[in-house]
Amino acid sequence: ALRIGTKTANARVTHIKYALNVETQEHLSATTLPLN
């Protein structure tokens, strides 16, 4: 469920473009996003 403003809609993440290395801001390939 996606909640924006006062609206709630059904949502799907269709594709992960990249994950972020927080120390270098490097773009990393990813198929999922773990905690944090």
Full PDB file with SEQRES, HELIX, SHEET, SSBOND, CRYST1, ORIGX, SCALE, CONECT and MASTER records, all heavy atoms in Angstrom:
SEQRES   1 A   36  ALA LEU ARG ILE GLY THR LYS THR ALA ASN ALA ARG VAL          
SEQRES   2 A   36  THR HIS ILE LYS TYR ALA LEU ASN VAL GLU THR GLN GLU          
SEQRES   3 A   36  HIS LEU SER ALA THR THR LEU PRO LEU ASN                      
SHEET    1 AA1 2 LEU A   2  ILE A   4  0                                        
SHEET    2 AA1 2 LYS A   7  ALA A   9 -1                                        
SHEET    1 AA2 2 ALA A  19  LEU A  20  0                                        
SHEET    2 AA2 2 HIS A  27  LEU A  28 -1                                        
CRYST1    1.000    1.000    1.000  90.00  90.00  90.00 P 1           1          
ORIGX1      1.000000  0.000000  0.000000        0.00000                         
ORIGX2      0.000000  1.000000  0.000000        0.00000                         
ORIGX3      0.000000  0.000000  1.000000        0.00000                         
SCALE1      1.000000  0.000000  0.000000        0.00000                         
SCALE2      0.000000  1.000000  0.000000        0.00000                         
SCALE3      0.000000  0.000000  1.000000        0.00000                         
ATOM      1  N   ALA A   1       0.856  -1.180   0.000  1.00  0.00           N  
ATOM      2  CA  ALA A   1       0.000   0.000   0.000  1.00  0.00           C  
ATOM      3  C   ALA A   1       0.893   1.231   0.000  1.00  0.00           C  
ATOM      4  O   ALA A   1       1.869   1.295   0.759  1.00  0.00           O  
ATOM      5  CB  ALA A   1      -0.913   0.006   1.225  1.00  0.00           C  
ATOM      6  N   LEU A   2       0.587   2.169  -0.866  1.00  0.00           N  
ATOM      7  CA  LEU A   2       1.343   3.425  -0.931  1.00  0.00           C  
ATOM      8  C   LEU A   2       0.461   4.549  -0.407  1.00  0.00           C  
ATOM      9  O   LEU A   2      -0.675   4.713  -0.860  1.00  0.00           O  
ATOM     10  CB  LEU A   2       1.791   3.715  -2.363  1.00  0.00           C  
ATOM     11  CG  LEU A   2       2.601   5.003  -2.569  1.00  0.00           C  
ATOM     12  CD1 LEU A   2       3.683   4.790  -3.618  1.00  0.00           C  
ATOM     13  CD2 LEU A   2       1.707   6.175  -2.976  1.00  0.00           C  
ATOM     14  N   ARG A   3       0.956   5.291   0.560  1.00  0.00           N  
ATOM     15  CA  ARG A   3       0.207   6.406   1.137  1.00  0.00           C  
ATOM     16  C   ARG A   3       0.942   7.708   0.846  1.00  0.00           C  
ATOM     17  O   ARG A   3       2.078   7.908   1.269  1.00  0.00           O  
ATOM     18  CB  ARG A   3       0.019   6.227   2.638  1.00  0.00           C  
ATOM     19  CG  ARG A   3      -0.865   7.273   3.297  1.00  0.00           C  
ATOM     20  CD  ARG A   3      -1.218   6.886   4.707  1.00  0.00           C  
ATOM     21  NE  ARG A   3      -1.952   5.629   4.738  1.00  0.00           N  
ATOM     22  CZ  ARG A   3      -2.106   4.883   5.837  1.00  0.00           C  
ATOM     23  NH1 ARG A   3      -1.556   5.273   6.975  1.00  0.00           N  
ATOM     24  NH2 ARG A   3      -2.785   3.750   5.774  1.00  0.00           N  
ATOM     25  N   ILE A   4       0.291   8.591   0.101  1.00  0.00           N  
ATOM     26  CA  ILE A   4       0.861   9.885  -0.251  1.00  0.00           C  
ATOM     27  C   ILE A   4      -0.188  10.945   0.034  1.00  0.00           C  
ATOM     28  O   ILE A   4      -1.320  10.841  -0.438  1.00  0.00           O  
ATOM     29  CB  ILE A   4       1.321   9.920  -1.728  1.00  0.00           C  
ATOM     30  CG1 ILE A   4       1.940  11.266  -2.075  1.00  0.00           C  
ATOM     31  CG2 ILE A   4       0.205   9.552  -2.684  1.00  0.00           C  
ATOM     32  CD1 ILE A   4       2.664  11.279  -3.416  1.00  0.00           C  
ATOM     33  N   GLY A   5       0.180  11.964   0.818  1.00  0.00           N  
ATOM     34  CA  GLY A   5      -0.813  12.927   1.257  1.00  0.00           C  
ATOM     35  C   GLY A   5      -1.882  12.209   2.064  1.00  0.00           C  
ATOM     36  O   GLY A   5      -1.581  11.513   3.041  1.00  0.00           O  
ATOM     37  N   THR A   6      -3.141  12.315   1.646  1.00  0.00           N  
ATOM     38  CA  THR A   6      -4.225  11.586   2.303  1.00  0.00           C  
ATOM     39  C   THR A   6      -4.713  10.418   1.462  1.00  0.00           C  
ATOM     40  O   THR A   6      -5.724   9.801   1.771  1.00  0.00           O  
ATOM     41  CB  THR A   6      -5.404  12.546   2.573  1.00  0.00           C  
ATOM     42  OG1 THR A   6      -5.839  13.120   1.331  1.00  0.00           O  
ATOM     43  CG2 THR A   6      -4.989  13.658   3.519  1.00  0.00           C  
ATOM     44  N   LYS A   7      -3.989  10.101   0.399  1.00  0.00           N  
ATOM     45  CA  LYS A   7      -4.395   9.063  -0.546  1.00  0.00           C  
ATOM     46  C   LYS A   7      -3.657   7.756  -0.282  1.00  0.00           C  
ATOM     47  O   LYS A   7      -2.450   7.754  -0.007  1.00  0.00           O  
ATOM     48  CB  LYS A   7      -4.093   9.528  -1.981  1.00  0.00           C  
ATOM     49  CG  LYS A   7      -4.433   8.526  -3.068  1.00  0.00           C  
ATOM     50  CD  LYS A   7      -5.920   8.394  -3.248  1.00  0.00           C  
ATOM     51  CE  LYS A   7      -6.256   7.524  -4.454  1.00  0.00           C  
ATOM     52  NZ  LYS A   7      -7.718   7.376  -4.631  1.00  0.00           N  
ATOM     53  N   THR A   8      -4.385   6.638  -0.384  1.00  0.00           N  
ATOM     54  CA  THR A   8      -3.775   5.315  -0.311  1.00  0.00           C  
ATOM     55  C   THR A   8      -4.108   4.556  -1.584  1.00  0.00           C  
ATOM     56  O   THR A   8      -5.271   4.522  -2.007  1.00  0.00           O  
ATOM     57  CB  THR A   8      -4.280   4.532   0.907  1.00  0.00           C  
ATOM     58  OG1 THR A   8      -3.960   5.248   2.105  1.00  0.00           O  
ATOM     59  CG2 THR A   8      -3.622   3.156   0.976  1.00  0.00           C  
ATOM     60  N   ALA A   9      -3.093   3.960  -2.214  1.00  0.00           N  
ATOM     61  CA  ALA A   9      -3.286   3.218  -3.464  1.00  0.00           C  
ATOM     62  C   ALA A   9      -2.484   1.929  -3.401  1.00  0.00           C  
ATOM     63  O   ALA A   9      -1.539   1.794  -2.611  1.00  0.00           O  
ATOM     64  CB  ALA A   9      -2.835   4.064  -4.659  1.00  0.00           C  
ATOM     65  N   ASN A  10      -2.853   0.969  -4.219  1.00  0.00           N  
ATOM     66  CA  ASN A  10      -2.098  -0.280  -4.336  1.00  0.00           C  
ATOM     67  C   ASN A  10      -0.863  -0.038  -5.200  1.00  0.00           C  
ATOM     68  O   ASN A  10      -0.943   0.630  -6.235  1.00  0.00           O  
ATOM     69  CB  ASN A  10      -2.962  -1.375  -4.960  1.00  0.00           C  
ATOM     70  CG  ASN A  10      -4.143  -1.743  -4.086  1.00  0.00           C  
ATOM     71  OD1 ASN A  10      -3.996  -1.892  -2.876  1.00  0.00           O  
ATOM     72  ND2 ASN A  10      -5.314  -1.882  -4.688  1.00  0.00           N  
ATOM     73  N   ALA A  11       0.270  -0.582  -4.765  1.00  0.00           N  
ATOM     74  CA  ALA A  11       1.530  -0.294  -5.452  1.00  0.00           C  
ATOM     75  C   ALA A  11       2.379  -1.548  -5.580  1.00  0.00           C  
ATOM     76  O   ALA A  11       2.288  -2.479  -4.764  1.00  0.00           O  
ATOM     77  CB  ALA A  11       2.308   0.782  -4.701  1.00  0.00           C  
ATOM     78  N   ARG A  12       3.227  -1.561  -6.621  1.00  0.00           N  
ATOM     79  CA  ARG A  12       4.239  -2.599  -6.810  1.00  0.00           C  
ATOM     80  C   ARG A  12       5.540  -1.931  -7.219  1.00  0.00           C  
ATOM     81  O   ARG A  12       5.541  -1.003  -8.023  1.00  0.00           O  
ATOM     82  CB  ARG A  12       3.826  -3.586  -7.900  1.00  0.00           C  
ATOM     83  CG  ARG A  12       2.677  -4.503  -7.584  1.00  0.00           C  
ATOM     84  CD  ARG A  12       2.362  -5.426  -8.749  1.00  0.00           C  
ATOM     85  NE  ARG A  12       1.959  -4.687  -9.947  1.00  0.00           N  
ATOM     86  CZ  ARG A  12       2.704  -4.543 -11.026  1.00  0.00           C  
ATOM     87  NH1 ARG A  12       3.926  -5.082 -11.083  1.00  0.00           N  
ATOM     88  NH2 ARG A  12       2.266  -3.865 -12.073  1.00  0.00           N  
ATOM     89  N   VAL A  13       6.630  -2.381  -6.647  1.00  0.00           N  
ATOM     90  CA  VAL A  13       7.945  -1.973  -7.139  1.00  0.00           C  
ATOM     91  C   VAL A  13       8.259  -2.875  -8.315  1.00  0.00           C  
ATOM     92  O   VAL A  13       8.465  -4.085  -8.157  1.00  0.00           O  
ATOM     93  CB  VAL A  13       9.023  -2.097  -6.047  1.00  0.00           C  
ATOM     94  CG1 VAL A  13      10.405  -1.801  -6.631  1.00  0.00           C  
ATOM     95  CG2 VAL A  13       8.725  -1.150  -4.887  1.00  0.00           C  
ATOM     96  N   THR A  14       8.255  -2.312  -9.511  1.00  0.00           N  
ATOM     97  CA  THR A  14       8.432  -3.128 -10.713  1.00  0.00           C  
ATOM     98  C   THR A  14       9.892  -3.423 -11.011  1.00  0.00           C  
ATOM     99  O   THR A  14      10.208  -4.454 -11.614  1.00  0.00           O  
ATOM    100  CB  THR A  14       7.803  -2.433 -11.932  1.00  0.00           C  
ATOM    101  OG1 THR A  14       8.446  -1.152 -12.123  1.00  0.00           O  
ATOM    102  CG2 THR A  14       6.313  -2.219 -11.721  1.00  0.00           C  
ATOM    103  N   HIS A  15      10.773  -2.526 -10.566  1.00  0.00           N  
ATOM    104  CA  HIS A  15      12.181  -2.689 -10.948  1.00  0.00           C  
ATOM    105  C   HIS A  15      13.054  -1.865 -10.003  1.00  0.00           C  
ATOM    106  O   HIS A  15      12.707  -0.731  -9.661  1.00  0.00           O  
ATOM    107  CB  HIS A  15      12.404  -2.218 -12.381  1.00  0.00           C  
ATOM    108  CG  HIS A  15      13.835  -2.271 -12.830  1.00  0.00           C  
ATOM    109  ND1 HIS A  15      14.541  -3.437 -12.935  1.00  0.00           N  
ATOM    110  CD2 HIS A  15      14.698  -1.271 -13.182  1.00  0.00           C  
ATOM    111  CE1 HIS A  15      15.774  -3.176 -13.336  1.00  0.00           C  
ATOM    112  NE2 HIS A  15      15.892  -1.869 -13.491  1.00  0.00           N  
ATOM    113  N   ILE A  16      14.151  -2.434  -9.553  1.00  0.00           N  
ATOM    114  CA  ILE A  16      15.146  -1.702  -8.769  1.00  0.00           C  
ATOM    115  C   ILE A  16      16.232  -1.224  -9.730  1.00  0.00           C  
ATOM    116  O   ILE A  16      16.945  -2.040 -10.320  1.00  0.00           O  
ATOM    117  CB  ILE A  16      15.761  -2.580  -7.665  1.00  0.00           C  
ATOM    118  CG1 ILE A  16      14.667  -3.054  -6.698  1.00  0.00           C  
ATOM    119  CG2 ILE A  16      16.838  -1.806  -6.903  1.00  0.00           C  
ATOM    120  CD1 ILE A  16      15.162  -4.030  -5.647  1.00  0.00           C  
ATOM    121  N   LYS A  17      16.341   0.072  -9.902  1.00  0.00           N  
ATOM    122  CA  LYS A  17      17.343   0.607 -10.832  1.00  0.00           C  
ATOM    123  C   LYS A  17      18.743   0.460 -10.263  1.00  0.00           C  
ATOM    124  O   LYS A  17      19.675   0.048 -10.953  1.00  0.00           O  
ATOM    125  CB  LYS A  17      17.036   2.072 -11.138  1.00  0.00           C  
ATOM    126  CG  LYS A  17      15.683   2.289 -11.809  1.00  0.00           C  
ATOM    127  CD  LYS A  17      15.526   3.707 -12.307  1.00  0.00           C  
ATOM    128  CE  LYS A  17      16.439   3.976 -13.497  1.00  0.00           C  
ATOM    129  NZ  LYS A  17      16.165   5.309 -14.106  1.00  0.00           N  
ATOM    130  N   TYR A  18      18.890   0.809  -8.975  1.00  0.00           N  
ATOM    131  CA  TYR A  18      20.189   0.614  -8.322  1.00  0.00           C  
ATOM    132  C   TYR A  18      20.043   0.830  -6.824  1.00  0.00           C  
ATOM    133  O   TYR A  18      19.091   1.474  -6.350  1.00  0.00           O  
ATOM    134  CB  TYR A  18      21.266   1.551  -8.891  1.00  0.00           C  
ATOM    135  CG  TYR A  18      20.982   3.027  -8.758  1.00  0.00           C  
ATOM    136  CD1 TYR A  18      21.270   3.728  -7.593  1.00  0.00           C  
ATOM    137  CD2 TYR A  18      20.430   3.745  -9.828  1.00  0.00           C  
ATOM    138  CE1 TYR A  18      21.020   5.090  -7.480  1.00  0.00           C  
ATOM    139  CE2 TYR A  18      20.173   5.102  -9.728  1.00  0.00           C  
ATOM    140  CZ  TYR A  18      20.466   5.770  -8.544  1.00  0.00           C  
ATOM    141  OH  TYR A  18      20.210   7.115  -8.437  1.00  0.00           O  
ATOM    142  N   ALA A  19      20.976   0.260  -6.068  1.00  0.00           N  
ATOM    143  CA  ALA A  19      21.111   0.536  -4.638  1.00  0.00           C  
ATOM    144  C   ALA A  19      22.247   1.530  -4.458  1.00  0.00           C  
ATOM    145  O   ALA A  19      23.098   1.701  -5.343  1.00  0.00           O  
ATOM    146  CB  ALA A  19      21.389  -0.746  -3.867  1.00  0.00           C  
ATOM    147  N   LEU A  20      22.254   2.199  -3.309  1.00  0.00           N  
ATOM    148  CA  LEU A  20      23.222   3.266  -3.075  1.00  0.00           C  
ATOM    149  C   LEU A  20      24.230   2.853  -2.015  1.00  0.00           C  
ATOM    150  O   LEU A  20      23.851   2.415  -0.917  1.00  0.00           O  
ATOM    151  CB  LEU A  20      22.489   4.533  -2.625  1.00  0.00           C  
ATOM    152  CG  LEU A  20      23.288   5.841  -2.614  1.00  0.00           C  
ATOM    153  CD1 LEU A  20      23.656   6.243  -4.030  1.00  0.00           C  
ATOM    154  CD2 LEU A  20      22.467   6.946  -1.949  1.00  0.00           C  
ATOM    155  N   ASN A  21      25.511   2.972  -2.330  1.00  0.00           N  
ATOM    156  CA  ASN A  21      26.563   2.819  -1.329  1.00  0.00           C  
ATOM    157  C   ASN A  21      26.638   4.136  -0.559  1.00  0.00           C  
ATOM    158  O   ASN A  21      27.042   5.156  -1.109  1.00  0.00           O  
ATOM    159  CB  ASN A  21      27.902   2.513  -2.010  1.00  0.00           C  
ATOM    160  CG  ASN A  21      29.030   2.306  -1.018  1.00  0.00           C  
ATOM    161  OD1 ASN A  21      29.108   2.961   0.015  1.00  0.00           O  
ATOM    162  ND2 ASN A  21      29.930   1.392  -1.343  1.00  0.00           N  
ATOM    163  N   VAL A  22      26.221   4.121   0.722  1.00  0.00           N  
ATOM    164  CA  VAL A  22      26.090   5.384   1.454  1.00  0.00           C  
ATOM    165  C   VAL A  22      27.438   6.033   1.747  1.00  0.00           C  
ATOM    166  O   VAL A  22      27.506   7.233   2.031  1.00  0.00           O  
ATOM    167  CB  VAL A  22      25.317   5.174   2.774  1.00  0.00           C  
ATOM    168  CG1 VAL A  22      23.885   4.783   2.494  1.00  0.00           C  
ATOM    169  CG2 VAL A  22      26.003   4.158   3.684  1.00  0.00           C  
ATOM    170  N   GLU A  23      28.525   5.277   1.680  1.00  0.00           N  
ATOM    171  CA  GLU A  23      29.835   5.850   1.976  1.00  0.00           C  
ATOM    172  C   GLU A  23      30.445   6.536   0.764  1.00  0.00           C  
ATOM    173  O   GLU A  23      31.198   7.499   0.908  1.00  0.00           O  
ATOM    174  CB  GLU A  23      30.773   4.757   2.495  1.00  0.00           C  
ATOM    175  CG  GLU A  23      30.326   4.147   3.809  1.00  0.00           C  
ATOM    176  CD  GLU A  23      31.357   3.194   4.385  1.00  0.00           C  
ATOM    177  OE1 GLU A  23      32.564   3.384   4.113  1.00  0.00           O  
ATOM    178  OE2 GLU A  23      30.969   2.268   5.112  1.00  0.00           O  
ATOM    179  N   THR A  24      30.110   6.047  -0.434  1.00  0.00           N  
ATOM    180  CA  THR A  24      30.712   6.610  -1.648  1.00  0.00           C  
ATOM    181  C   THR A  24      29.691   7.178  -2.622  1.00  0.00           C  
ATOM    182  O   THR A  24      30.071   7.820  -3.597  1.00  0.00           O  
ATOM    183  CB  THR A  24      31.517   5.521  -2.392  1.00  0.00           C  
ATOM    184  OG1 THR A  24      30.604   4.508  -2.847  1.00  0.00           O  
ATOM    185  CG2 THR A  24      32.563   4.893  -1.477  1.00  0.00           C  
ATOM    186  N   GLN A  25      28.385   6.937  -2.356  1.00  0.00           N  
ATOM    187  CA  GLN A  25      27.300   7.315  -3.261  1.00  0.00           C  
ATOM    188  C   GLN A  25      27.378   6.562  -4.592  1.00  0.00           C  
ATOM    189  O   GLN A  25      26.754   6.954  -5.585  1.00  0.00           O  
ATOM    190  CB  GLN A  25      27.275   8.827  -3.515  1.00  0.00           C  
ATOM    191  CG  GLN A  25      27.168   9.652  -2.244  1.00  0.00           C  
ATOM    192  CD  GLN A  25      25.899   9.372  -1.464  1.00  0.00           C  
ATOM    193  OE1 GLN A  25      24.817   9.571  -1.960  1.00  0.00           O  
ATOM    194  NE2 GLN A  25      26.042   8.910  -0.222  1.00  0.00           N  
ATOM    195  N   GLU A  26      28.154   5.483  -4.626  1.00  0.00           N  
ATOM    196  CA  GLU A  26      28.255   4.657  -5.824  1.00  0.00           C  
ATOM    197  C   GLU A  26      26.946   3.923  -6.066  1.00  0.00           C  
ATOM    198  O   GLU A  26      26.269   3.489  -5.120  1.00  0.00           O  
ATOM    199  CB  GLU A  26      29.397   3.644  -5.643  1.00  0.00           C  
ATOM    200  CG  GLU A  26      29.597   2.698  -6.820  1.00  0.00           C  
ATOM    201  CD  GLU A  26      30.642   1.635  -6.515  1.00  0.00           C  
ATOM    202  OE1 GLU A  26      31.174   1.622  -5.385  1.00  0.00           O  
ATOM    203  OE2 GLU A  26      30.908   0.813  -7.415  1.00  0.00           O  
ATOM    204  N   HIS A  27      26.562   3.771  -7.351  1.00  0.00           N  
ATOM    205  CA  HIS A  27      25.365   3.032  -7.728  1.00  0.00           C  
ATOM    206  C   HIS A  27      25.699   1.558  -7.850  1.00  0.00           C  
ATOM    207  O   HIS A  27      26.608   1.176  -8.591  1.00  0.00           O  
ATOM    208  CB  HIS A  27      24.796   3.558  -9.050  1.00  0.00           C  
ATOM    209  CG  HIS A  27      24.328   4.979  -8.970  1.00  0.00           C  
ATOM    210  ND1 HIS A  27      23.798   5.660 -10.044  1.00  0.00           N  
ATOM    211  CD2 HIS A  27      24.293   5.841  -7.921  1.00  0.00           C  
ATOM    212  CE1 HIS A  27      23.475   6.891  -9.672  1.00  0.00           C  
ATOM    213  NE2 HIS A  27      23.776   7.020  -8.394  1.00  0.00           N  
ATOM    214  N   LEU A  28      24.969   0.717  -7.124  1.00  0.00           N  
ATOM    215  CA  LEU A  28      25.221  -0.715  -7.105  1.00  0.00           C  
ATOM    216  C   LEU A  28      24.044  -1.458  -7.722  1.00  0.00           C  
ATOM    217  O   LEU A  28      22.885  -1.107  -7.481  1.00  0.00           O  
ATOM    218  CB  LEU A  28      25.422  -1.204  -5.662  1.00  0.00           C  
ATOM    219  CG  LEU A  28      26.457  -0.457  -4.818  1.00  0.00           C  
ATOM    220  CD1 LEU A  28      26.413  -0.954  -3.379  1.00  0.00           C  
ATOM    221  CD2 LEU A  28      27.853  -0.618  -5.402  1.00  0.00           C  
ATOM    222  N   SER A  29      24.309  -2.479  -8.501  1.00  0.00           N  
ATOM    223  CA  SER A  29      23.220  -3.302  -9.031  1.00  0.00           C  
ATOM    224  C   SER A  29      22.582  -4.068  -7.879  1.00  0.00           C  
ATOM    225  O   SER A  29      23.259  -4.489  -6.940  1.00  0.00           O  
ATOM    226  CB  SER A  29      23.752  -4.275 -10.093  1.00  0.00           C  
ATOM    227  OG  SER A  29      24.716  -5.145  -9.524  1.00  0.00           O  
ATOM    228  N   ALA A  30      21.257  -4.239  -7.938  1.00  0.00           N  
ATOM    229  CA  ALA A  30      20.547  -4.897  -6.840  1.00  0.00           C  
ATOM    230  C   ALA A  30      19.265  -5.521  -7.362  1.00  0.00           C  
ATOM    231  O   ALA A  30      18.608  -4.980  -8.256  1.00  0.00           O  
ATOM    232  CB  ALA A  30      20.228  -3.895  -5.734  1.00  0.00           C  
ATOM    233  N   THR A  31      18.915  -6.660  -6.786  1.00  0.00           N  
ATOM    234  CA  THR A  31      17.643  -7.316  -7.104  1.00  0.00           C  
ATOM    235  C   THR A  31      16.671  -7.213  -5.943  1.00  0.00           C  
ATOM    236  O   THR A  31      15.502  -7.558  -6.072  1.00  0.00           O  
ATOM    237  CB  THR A  31      17.874  -8.795  -7.442  1.00  0.00           C  
ATOM    238  OG1 THR A  31      18.523  -9.438  -6.331  1.00  0.00           O  
ATOM    239  CG2 THR A  31      18.737  -8.931  -8.683  1.00  0.00           C  
ATOM    240  N   THR A  32      17.146  -6.745  -4.785  1.00  0.00           N  
ATOM    241  CA  THR A  32      16.308  -6.536  -3.615  1.00  0.00           C  
ATOM    242  C   THR A  32      16.956  -5.463  -2.750  1.00  0.00           C  
ATOM    243  O   THR A  32      18.124  -5.096  -2.974  1.00  0.00           O  
ATOM    244  CB  THR A  32      16.142  -7.835  -2.805  1.00  0.00           C  
ATOM    245  OG1 THR A  32      15.201  -7.618  -1.741  1.00  0.00           O  
ATOM    246  CG2 THR A  32      17.473  -8.291  -2.218  1.00  0.00           C  
ATOM    247  N   LEU A  33      16.206  -4.935  -1.791  1.00  0.00           N  
ATOM    248  CA  LEU A  33      16.735  -3.957  -0.841  1.00  0.00           C  
ATOM    249  C   LEU A  33      16.559  -4.516   0.565  1.00  0.00           C  
ATOM    250  O   LEU A  33      15.432  -4.707   1.018  1.00  0.00           O  
ATOM    251  CB  LEU A  33      16.008  -2.616  -0.956  1.00  0.00           C  
ATOM    252  CG  LEU A  33      16.125  -1.845  -2.275  1.00  0.00           C  
ATOM    253  CD1 LEU A  33      15.342  -0.537  -2.189  1.00  0.00           C  
ATOM    254  CD2 LEU A  33      17.580  -1.570  -2.628  1.00  0.00           C  
ATOM    255  N   PRO A  34      17.642  -4.803   1.288  1.00  0.00           N  
ATOM    256  CA  PRO A  34      17.525  -5.280   2.666  1.00  0.00           C  
ATOM    257  C   PRO A  34      17.306  -4.109   3.631  1.00  0.00           C  
ATOM    258  O   PRO A  34      17.279  -2.948   3.222  1.00  0.00           O  
ATOM    259  CB  PRO A  34      18.878  -5.951   2.908  1.00  0.00           C  
ATOM    260  CG  PRO A  34      19.831  -5.189   2.028  1.00  0.00           C  
ATOM    261  CD  PRO A  34      19.033  -4.789   0.814  1.00  0.00           C  
ATOM    262  N   LEU A  35      17.166  -4.422   4.894  1.00  0.00           N  
ATOM    263  CA  LEU A  35      16.945  -3.422   5.934  1.00  0.00           C  
ATOM    264  C   LEU A  35      17.999  -2.314   5.866  1.00  0.00           C  
ATOM    265  O   LEU A  35      19.197  -2.592   5.763  1.00  0.00           O  
ATOM    266  CB  LEU A  35      17.006  -4.092   7.310  1.00  0.00           C  
ATOM    267  CG  LEU A  35      16.883  -3.179   8.534  1.00  0.00           C  
ATOM    268  CD1 LEU A  35      15.491  -2.568   8.606  1.00  0.00           C  
ATOM    269  CD2 LEU A  35      17.204  -3.952   9.814  1.00  0.00           C  
ATOM    270  N   ASN A  36      17.532  -1.064   5.880  1.00  0.00           N  
ATOM    271  CA  ASN A  36      18.362   0.151   5.906  1.00  0.00           C  
ATOM    272  C   ASN A  36      19.054   0.462   4.590  1.00  0.00           C  
ATOM    273  O   ASN A  36      19.838   1.418   4.516  1.00  0.00           O  
ATOM    274  CB  ASN A  36      19.417   0.092   7.027  1.00  0.00           C  
ATOM    275  CG  ASN A  36      18.791   0.052   8.401  1.00  0.00           C  
ATOM    276  OD1 ASN A  36      17.708   0.592   8.605  1.00  0.00           O  
ATOM    277  ND2 ASN A  36      19.463  -0.578   9.351  1.00  0.00           N  
TER     278      ASN A  36                                                      
MASTER        0    0    0    0    4    0    0    6  277    1    0    3          
END                                                                             
